[in-house]
Amino acid sequence: MNVYDLFIKPYESYTAAQIILEASGALFGTLSVYFSIKKNIWVYPTGIISTLIYVYILFNFGLLGDCLINVYYTVMSVYGWILWSKNSKDHIHVEVTWATKKEWIYAGILFILSLAFVTFIYYCKPYIDNLESNYLGLYHLDWANWMDIFTTSIFLVGMWFMAKQRIENWIFWIIGDLICIPMMIFKGLGITSVQYLVFTIMAILGYLNWKKSLKEKKVQ
């Protein structure tokens, strides 16, 4: 497949409003990651706008896992916003640390519960799509759907670690973003696939920046 087939052809059937909507979601999502790198509380209001847009987009494309995670992002962003406000001396920036062993246990539980829940949602998808159908199961899933289930769990943990201001959140973003690049191309969301490529690079920078800031704090 060439560039035209991957990034232009899928949009031939889209309306201008749909293209603008996806581009807006990508823009605000990128701004959110930028503010996160800077440990700036504006990560949350920009992120909420992006996630609400993607809830609508991903639901229409049948990516229930990613749709649900964006609903979770919205709720978690409100929680993170409150938490960062309380922990910020200037109400804008926060201090970061590594996660504790106890938090890693919680993260593991969250990951497993997420896998189970999103798999169950996909199991019920035939009934959700057609209320007259009683054929429940996972027979309808393609590889992108399975990856969607997996990345959902990865991002849930990443979002939770970010709300807790833990440096490890970037590791989960990097892994999840790399998986989402081919998944979004497969689903015909070229703009979003480029966004995830940008996210991967920004997540690497975010990890290095947060790690560096913690070292500098210890030196002082």
C-alpha atoms as a PDB file:
ATOM      1  CA  MET A   1       0.000   0.000   0.000  1.00  0.00           C
ATOM      2  CA  ASN A   2       1.220   3.532  -0.816  1.00  0.00           C
ATOM      3  CA  VAL A   3       0.779   6.829   1.033  1.00  0.00           C
ATOM      4  CA  TYR A   4      -2.384   7.612  -0.934  1.00  0.00           C
ATOM      5  CA  ASP A   5      -4.047   4.327   0.094  1.00  0.00           C
ATOM      6  CA  LEU A   6      -3.052   4.771   3.743  1.00  0.00           C
ATOM      7  CA  PHE A   7      -3.712   8.440   4.424  1.00  0.00           C
ATOM      8  CA  ILE A   8      -5.874   9.914   1.639  1.00  0.00           C
ATOM      9  CA  LYS A   9      -8.169   7.270   0.179  1.00  0.00           C
ATOM     10  CA  PRO A  10      -9.900   6.444   3.499  1.00  0.00           C
ATOM     11  CA  TYR A  11     -10.989  10.104   3.759  1.00  0.00           C
ATOM     12  CA  GLU A  12     -12.639  10.247   0.345  1.00  0.00           C
ATOM     13  CA  SER A  13     -15.913   9.088   1.881  1.00  0.00           C
ATOM     14  CA  TYR A  14     -15.647  11.432   4.863  1.00  0.00           C
ATOM     15  CA  THR A  15     -17.432  14.751   5.163  1.00  0.00           C
ATOM     16  CA  ALA A  16     -15.464  17.928   5.826  1.00  0.00           C
ATOM     17  CA  ALA A  17     -16.950  18.019   9.328  1.00  0.00           C
ATOM     18  CA  GLN A  18     -15.668  14.502  10.096  1.00  0.00           C
ATOM     19  CA  ILE A  19     -12.147  15.360   8.941  1.00  0.00           C
ATOM     20  CA  ILE A  20     -12.107  18.606  10.939  1.00  0.00           C
ATOM     21  CA  LEU A  21     -13.388  16.737  13.992  1.00  0.00           C
ATOM     22  CA  GLU A  22     -10.623  14.129  13.843  1.00  0.00           C
ATOM     23  CA  ALA A  23      -7.972  16.795  13.197  1.00  0.00           C
ATOM     24  CA  SER A  24      -9.244  18.797  16.192  1.00  0.00           C
ATOM     25  CA  GLY A  25      -9.097  15.751  18.432  1.00  0.00           C
ATOM     26  CA  ALA A  26      -5.522  15.089  17.308  1.00  0.00           C
ATOM     27  CA  LEU A  27      -4.534  18.730  17.878  1.00  0.00           C
ATOM     28  CA  PHE A  28      -5.890  18.927  21.414  1.00  0.00           C
ATOM     29  CA  GLY A  29      -4.444  15.494  22.181  1.00  0.00           C
ATOM     30  CA  THR A  30      -1.004  16.668  21.089  1.00  0.00           C
ATOM     31  CA  LEU A  31      -1.323  19.824  23.196  1.00  0.00           C
ATOM     32  CA  SER A  32      -2.265  17.658  26.168  1.00  0.00           C
ATOM     33  CA  VAL A  33       0.866  15.524  25.823  1.00  0.00           C
ATOM     34  CA  TYR A  34       2.989  18.680  25.463  1.00  0.00           C
ATOM     35  CA  PHE A  35       1.614  20.111  28.710  1.00  0.00           C
ATOM     36  CA  SER A  36       2.148  16.744  30.377  1.00  0.00           C
ATOM     37  CA  ILE A  37       5.834  16.790  29.417  1.00  0.00           C
ATOM     38  CA  LYS A  38       6.074  20.239  31.011  1.00  0.00           C
ATOM     39  CA  LYS A  39       4.265  18.931  34.137  1.00  0.00           C
ATOM     40  CA  ASN A  40       1.701  21.654  33.462  1.00  0.00           C
ATOM     41  CA  ILE A  41      -1.858  21.254  34.746  1.00  0.00           C
ATOM     42  CA  TRP A  42      -3.223  22.341  31.351  1.00  0.00           C
ATOM     43  CA  VAL A  43      -2.663  18.723  30.330  1.00  0.00           C
ATOM     44  CA  TYR A  44      -6.135  18.033  31.682  1.00  0.00           C
ATOM     45  CA  PRO A  45      -8.471  20.645  30.111  1.00  0.00           C
ATOM     46  CA  THR A  46      -6.882  20.129  26.677  1.00  0.00           C
ATOM     47  CA  GLY A  47      -6.979  16.382  27.188  1.00  0.00           C
ATOM     48  CA  ILE A  48     -10.669  16.396  28.116  1.00  0.00           C
ATOM     49  CA  ILE A  49     -11.583  18.157  24.871  1.00  0.00           C
ATOM     50  CA  SER A  50      -9.580  15.599  22.879  1.00  0.00           C
ATOM     51  CA  THR A  51     -11.010  12.560  24.658  1.00  0.00           C
ATOM     52  CA  LEU A  52     -14.607  13.694  24.261  1.00  0.00           C
ATOM     53  CA  ILE A  53     -14.051  14.108  20.526  1.00  0.00           C
ATOM     54  CA  TYR A  54     -12.519  10.638  20.278  1.00  0.00           C
ATOM     55  CA  VAL A  55     -15.325   9.032  22.269  1.00  0.00           C
ATOM     56  CA  TYR A  56     -17.610  10.003  19.410  1.00  0.00           C
ATOM     57  CA  ILE A  57     -15.162   9.059  16.631  1.00  0.00           C
ATOM     58  CA  LEU A  58     -14.068   5.686  18.020  1.00  0.00           C
ATOM     59  CA  PHE A  59     -17.613   4.602  18.857  1.00  0.00           C
ATOM     60  CA  ASN A  60     -18.609   5.174  15.240  1.00  0.00           C
ATOM     61  CA  PHE A  61     -15.593   3.137  14.050  1.00  0.00           C
ATOM     62  CA  GLY A  62     -16.436   0.206  16.315  1.00  0.00           C
ATOM     63  CA  LEU A  63     -13.284   0.453  18.455  1.00  0.00           C
ATOM     64  CA  LEU A  64     -15.119  -0.094  21.714  1.00  0.00           C
ATOM     65  CA  GLY A  65     -11.978  -0.558  23.780  1.00  0.00           C
ATOM     66  CA  ASP A  66     -10.481   2.749  22.714  1.00  0.00           C
ATOM     67  CA  CYS A  67     -13.897   4.385  23.018  1.00  0.00           C
ATOM     68  CA  LEU A  68     -14.237   3.178  26.599  1.00  0.00           C
ATOM     69  CA  ILE A  69     -10.729   4.237  27.483  1.00  0.00           C
ATOM     70  CA  ASN A  70     -11.492   7.766  26.279  1.00  0.00           C
ATOM     71  CA  VAL A  71     -14.547   7.797  28.539  1.00  0.00           C
ATOM     72  CA  TYR A  72     -12.183   6.684  31.307  1.00  0.00           C
ATOM     73  CA  TYR A  73      -9.682   9.365  30.257  1.00  0.00           C
ATOM     74  CA  THR A  74     -12.348  12.024  30.664  1.00  0.00           C
ATOM     75  CA  VAL A  75     -13.269  10.854  34.164  1.00  0.00           C
ATOM     76  CA  MET A  76      -9.621  10.298  35.121  1.00  0.00           C
ATOM     77  CA  SER A  77      -8.705  13.735  33.767  1.00  0.00           C
ATOM     78  CA  VAL A  78     -11.134  15.341  36.200  1.00  0.00           C
ATOM     79  CA  TYR A  79      -9.582  13.256  39.014  1.00  0.00           C
ATOM     80  CA  GLY A  80      -6.055  14.110  37.862  1.00  0.00           C
ATOM     81  CA  TRP A  81      -6.936  17.783  37.517  1.00  0.00           C
ATOM     82  CA  ILE A  82      -8.112  17.875  41.143  1.00  0.00           C
ATOM     83  CA  LEU A  83      -5.099  15.872  42.337  1.00  0.00           C
ATOM     84  CA  TRP A  84      -2.561  18.021  40.468  1.00  0.00           C
ATOM     85  CA  SER A  85      -4.245  21.200  41.772  1.00  0.00           C
ATOM     86  CA  LYS A  86      -3.857  20.002  45.351  1.00  0.00           C
ATOM     87  CA  ASN A  87      -0.232  18.924  44.880  1.00  0.00           C
ATOM     88  CA  SER A  88       0.894  21.989  42.942  1.00  0.00           C
ATOM     89  CA  LYS A  89       2.464  24.897  44.802  1.00  0.00           C
ATOM     90  CA  ASP A  90       1.816  27.347  41.970  1.00  0.00           C
ATOM     91  CA  HIS A  91      -1.426  25.650  40.804  1.00  0.00           C
ATOM     92  CA  ILE A  92       0.246  24.922  37.440  1.00  0.00           C
ATOM     93  CA  HIS A  93       3.264  22.626  37.846  1.00  0.00           C
ATOM     94  CA  VAL A  94       3.763  19.461  39.933  1.00  0.00           C
ATOM     95  CA  GLU A  95       6.644  17.388  41.283  1.00  0.00           C
ATOM     96  CA  VAL A  96       7.095  13.800  40.065  1.00  0.00           C
ATOM     97  CA  THR A  97       8.411  10.570  41.611  1.00  0.00           C
ATOM     98  CA  TRP A  98       8.829   6.863  40.857  1.00  0.00           C
ATOM     99  CA  ALA A  99       5.975   4.491  41.713  1.00  0.00           C
ATOM    100  CA  THR A 100       6.050   2.418  44.880  1.00  0.00           C
ATOM    101  CA  LYS A 101       5.788  -1.388  44.991  1.00  0.00           C
ATOM    102  CA  LYS A 102       2.256  -1.062  46.351  1.00  0.00           C
ATOM    103  CA  GLU A 103       1.252   1.144  43.414  1.00  0.00           C
ATOM    104  CA  TRP A 104       2.677  -1.408  40.980  1.00  0.00           C
ATOM    105  CA  ILE A 105       0.439  -4.050  42.550  1.00  0.00           C
ATOM    106  CA  TYR A 106      -2.559  -1.774  42.091  1.00  0.00           C
ATOM    107  CA  ALA A 107      -1.468  -1.160  38.485  1.00  0.00           C
ATOM    108  CA  GLY A 108      -1.322  -4.915  37.833  1.00  0.00           C
ATOM    109  CA  ILE A 109      -4.815  -5.389  39.220  1.00  0.00           C
ATOM    110  CA  LEU A 110      -6.112  -2.499  37.104  1.00  0.00           C
ATOM    111  CA  PHE A 111      -4.515  -4.024  34.000  1.00  0.00           C
ATOM    112  CA  ILE A 112      -6.107  -7.454  34.556  1.00  0.00           C
ATOM    113  CA  LEU A 113      -9.539  -6.030  35.390  1.00  0.00           C
ATOM    114  CA  SER A 114      -9.383  -3.864  32.278  1.00  0.00           C
ATOM    115  CA  LEU A 115      -8.539  -6.832  30.046  1.00  0.00           C
ATOM    116  CA  ALA A 116     -11.483  -8.765  31.461  1.00  0.00           C
ATOM    117  CA  PHE A 117     -13.941  -5.879  31.208  1.00  0.00           C
ATOM    118  CA  VAL A 118     -13.095  -4.775  27.657  1.00  0.00           C
ATOM    119  CA  THR A 119     -13.068  -8.403  26.453  1.00  0.00           C
ATOM    120  CA  PHE A 120     -16.563  -8.777  27.936  1.00  0.00           C
ATOM    121  CA  ILE A 121     -17.723  -5.647  26.109  1.00  0.00           C
ATOM    122  CA  TYR A 122     -16.452  -7.080  22.825  1.00  0.00           C
ATOM    123  CA  TYR A 123     -18.122 -10.393  23.678  1.00  0.00           C
ATOM    124  CA  CYS A 124     -21.426  -8.549  23.895  1.00  0.00           C
ATOM    125  CA  LYS A 125     -20.762  -6.438  20.785  1.00  0.00           C
ATOM    126  CA  PRO A 126     -22.919  -8.580  18.421  1.00  0.00           C
ATOM    127  CA  TYR A 127     -25.878  -7.939  20.715  1.00  0.00           C
ATOM    128  CA  ILE A 128     -24.987  -4.244  21.095  1.00  0.00           C
ATOM    129  CA  ASP A 129     -24.817  -3.794  17.313  1.00  0.00           C
ATOM    130  CA  ASN A 130     -27.981  -5.784  16.623  1.00  0.00           C
ATOM    131  CA  LEU A 131     -30.524  -6.128  19.385  1.00  0.00           C
ATOM    132  CA  GLU A 132     -32.220  -8.991  17.499  1.00  0.00           C
ATOM    133  CA  SER A 133     -29.066 -11.130  17.556  1.00  0.00           C
ATOM    134  CA  ASN A 134     -28.404 -13.668  20.293  1.00  0.00           C
ATOM    135  CA  TYR A 135     -25.053 -14.868  18.926  1.00  0.00           C
ATOM    136  CA  LEU A 136     -22.666 -13.532  21.514  1.00  0.00           C
ATOM    137  CA  GLY A 137     -18.946 -14.239  21.320  1.00  0.00           C
ATOM    138  CA  LEU A 138     -15.550 -13.077  20.113  1.00  0.00           C
ATOM    139  CA  TYR A 139     -15.744 -14.609  16.620  1.00  0.00           C
ATOM    140  CA  HIS A 140     -16.166 -11.166  15.026  1.00  0.00           C
ATOM    141  CA  LEU A 141     -12.880  -9.703  16.280  1.00  0.00           C
ATOM    142  CA  ASP A 142     -10.008  -8.894  13.915  1.00  0.00           C
ATOM    143  CA  TRP A 143      -6.401  -8.325  14.995  1.00  0.00           C
ATOM    144  CA  ALA A 144      -7.030  -4.596  15.487  1.00  0.00           C
ATOM    145  CA  ASN A 145      -9.835  -5.346  17.944  1.00  0.00           C
ATOM    146  CA  TRP A 146      -7.598  -7.665  19.963  1.00  0.00           C
ATOM    147  CA  MET A 147      -4.875  -5.028  19.996  1.00  0.00           C
ATOM    148  CA  ASP A 148      -7.504  -2.495  21.049  1.00  0.00           C
ATOM    149  CA  ILE A 149      -8.296  -4.628  24.106  1.00  0.00           C
ATOM    150  CA  PHE A 150      -4.609  -4.860  25.007  1.00  0.00           C
ATOM    151  CA  THR A 151      -3.784  -1.184  24.452  1.00  0.00           C
ATOM    152  CA  THR A 152      -6.833  -0.153  26.453  1.00  0.00           C
ATOM    153  CA  SER A 153      -5.401  -1.890  29.505  1.00  0.00           C
ATOM    154  CA  ILE A 154      -1.959  -0.382  28.881  1.00  0.00           C
ATOM    155  CA  PHE A 155      -3.354   3.147  28.603  1.00  0.00           C
ATOM    156  CA  LEU A 156      -5.552   2.743  31.673  1.00  0.00           C
ATOM    157  CA  VAL A 157      -2.482   2.027  33.772  1.00  0.00           C
ATOM    158  CA  GLY A 158      -0.574   4.873  32.115  1.00  0.00           C
ATOM    159  CA  MET A 159      -3.368   7.338  32.838  1.00  0.00           C
ATOM    160  CA  TRP A 160      -3.557   6.224  36.464  1.00  0.00           C
ATOM    161  CA  PHE A 161       0.208   6.603  36.933  1.00  0.00           C
ATOM    162  CA  MET A 162       0.070  10.057  35.339  1.00  0.00           C
ATOM    163  CA  ALA A 163      -2.667  11.201  37.724  1.00  0.00           C
ATOM    164  CA  LYS A 164      -0.447   9.985  40.568  1.00  0.00           C
ATOM    165  CA  GLN A 165       2.489  11.933  39.036  1.00  0.00           C
ATOM    166  CA  ARG A 166       4.602   8.818  38.581  1.00  0.00           C
ATOM    167  CA  ILE A 167       7.379   8.749  35.995  1.00  0.00           C
ATOM    168  CA  GLU A 168       6.465   5.211  34.871  1.00  0.00           C
ATOM    169  CA  ASN A 169       3.347   6.519  33.149  1.00  0.00           C
ATOM    170  CA  TRP A 170       5.478   7.372  30.094  1.00  0.00           C
ATOM    171  CA  ILE A 171       6.599   3.762  29.638  1.00  0.00           C
ATOM    172  CA  PHE A 172       2.998   2.668  29.204  1.00  0.00           C
ATOM    173  CA  TRP A 173       2.251   5.532  26.808  1.00  0.00           C
ATOM    174  CA  ILE A 174       5.257   4.619  24.644  1.00  0.00           C
ATOM    175  CA  ILE A 175       4.260   0.941  24.357  1.00  0.00           C
ATOM    176  CA  GLY A 176       0.594   1.711  23.713  1.00  0.00           C
ATOM    177  CA  ASP A 177       1.291   4.461  21.184  1.00  0.00           C
ATOM    178  CA  LEU A 178       3.586   2.205  19.136  1.00  0.00           C
ATOM    179  CA  ILE A 179       0.870  -0.458  18.942  1.00  0.00           C
ATOM    180  CA  CYS A 180      -1.801   2.077  17.966  1.00  0.00           C
ATOM    181  CA  ILE A 181       0.068   3.402  14.906  1.00  0.00           C
ATOM    182  CA  PRO A 182      -0.630   0.379  12.636  1.00  0.00           C
ATOM    183  CA  MET A 183      -4.002  -0.231  14.296  1.00  0.00           C
ATOM    184  CA  MET A 184      -5.321   3.208  13.348  1.00  0.00           C
ATOM    185  CA  ILE A 185      -3.976   2.902   9.791  1.00  0.00           C
ATOM    186  CA  PHE A 186      -5.823  -0.405   9.478  1.00  0.00           C
ATOM    187  CA  LYS A 187      -9.030   1.271  10.662  1.00  0.00           C
ATOM    188  CA  GLY A 188      -8.666   4.118   8.151  1.00  0.00           C
ATOM    189  CA  LEU A 189      -7.820   6.798  10.711  1.00  0.00           C
ATOM    190  CA  GLY A 190      -4.680   8.151   9.048  1.00  0.00           C
ATOM    191  CA  ILE A 191      -4.616  11.456  10.919  1.00  0.00           C
ATOM    192  CA  THR A 192      -4.886   9.628  14.219  1.00  0.00           C
ATOM    193  CA  SER A 193      -2.101   7.190  13.271  1.00  0.00           C
ATOM    194  CA  VAL A 194       0.234  10.141  12.647  1.00  0.00           C
ATOM    195  CA  GLN A 195      -0.871  11.554  15.988  1.00  0.00           C
ATOM    196  CA  TYR A 196       0.207   8.342  17.730  1.00  0.00           C
ATOM    197  CA  LEU A 197       3.591   8.536  16.008  1.00  0.00           C
ATOM    198  CA  VAL A 198       4.003  12.061  17.367  1.00  0.00           C
ATOM    199  CA  PHE A 199       2.772  10.821  20.757  1.00  0.00           C
ATOM    200  CA  THR A 200       5.473   8.125  20.786  1.00  0.00           C
ATOM    201  CA  ILE A 201       8.223  10.673  20.241  1.00  0.00           C
ATOM    202  CA  MET A 202       6.721  13.054  22.797  1.00  0.00           C
ATOM    203  CA  ALA A 203       6.314  10.240  25.336  1.00  0.00           C
ATOM    204  CA  ILE A 204      10.013   9.397  25.048  1.00  0.00           C
ATOM    205  CA  LEU A 205      10.843  13.071  25.600  1.00  0.00           C
ATOM    206  CA  GLY A 206       8.398  13.183  28.507  1.00  0.00           C
ATOM    207  CA  TYR A 207      10.029  10.191  30.187  1.00  0.00           C
ATOM    208  CA  LEU A 208      13.488  11.725  29.843  1.00  0.00           C
ATOM    209  CA  ASN A 209      12.282  15.136  31.038  1.00  0.00           C
ATOM    210  CA  TRP A 210      10.455  13.819  34.125  1.00  0.00           C
ATOM    211  CA  LYS A 211      13.387  11.570  35.019  1.00  0.00           C
ATOM    212  CA  LYS A 212      15.799  14.490  34.654  1.00  0.00           C
ATOM    213  CA  SER A 213      13.659  16.801  36.803  1.00  0.00           C
ATOM    214  CA  LEU A 214      13.606  14.236  39.610  1.00  0.00           C
ATOM    215  CA  LYS A 215      17.401  13.911  39.527  1.00  0.00           C
ATOM    216  CA  GLU A 216      17.784  17.689  39.607  1.00  0.00           C
ATOM    217  CA  LYS A 217      15.464  17.890  42.619  1.00  0.00           C
ATOM    218  CA  LYS A 218      17.584  15.338  44.534  1.00  0.00           C
ATOM    219  CA  VAL A 219      20.764  17.288  43.781  1.00  0.00           C
ATOM    220  CA  GLN A 220      19.325  20.517  45.205  1.00  0.00           C
END
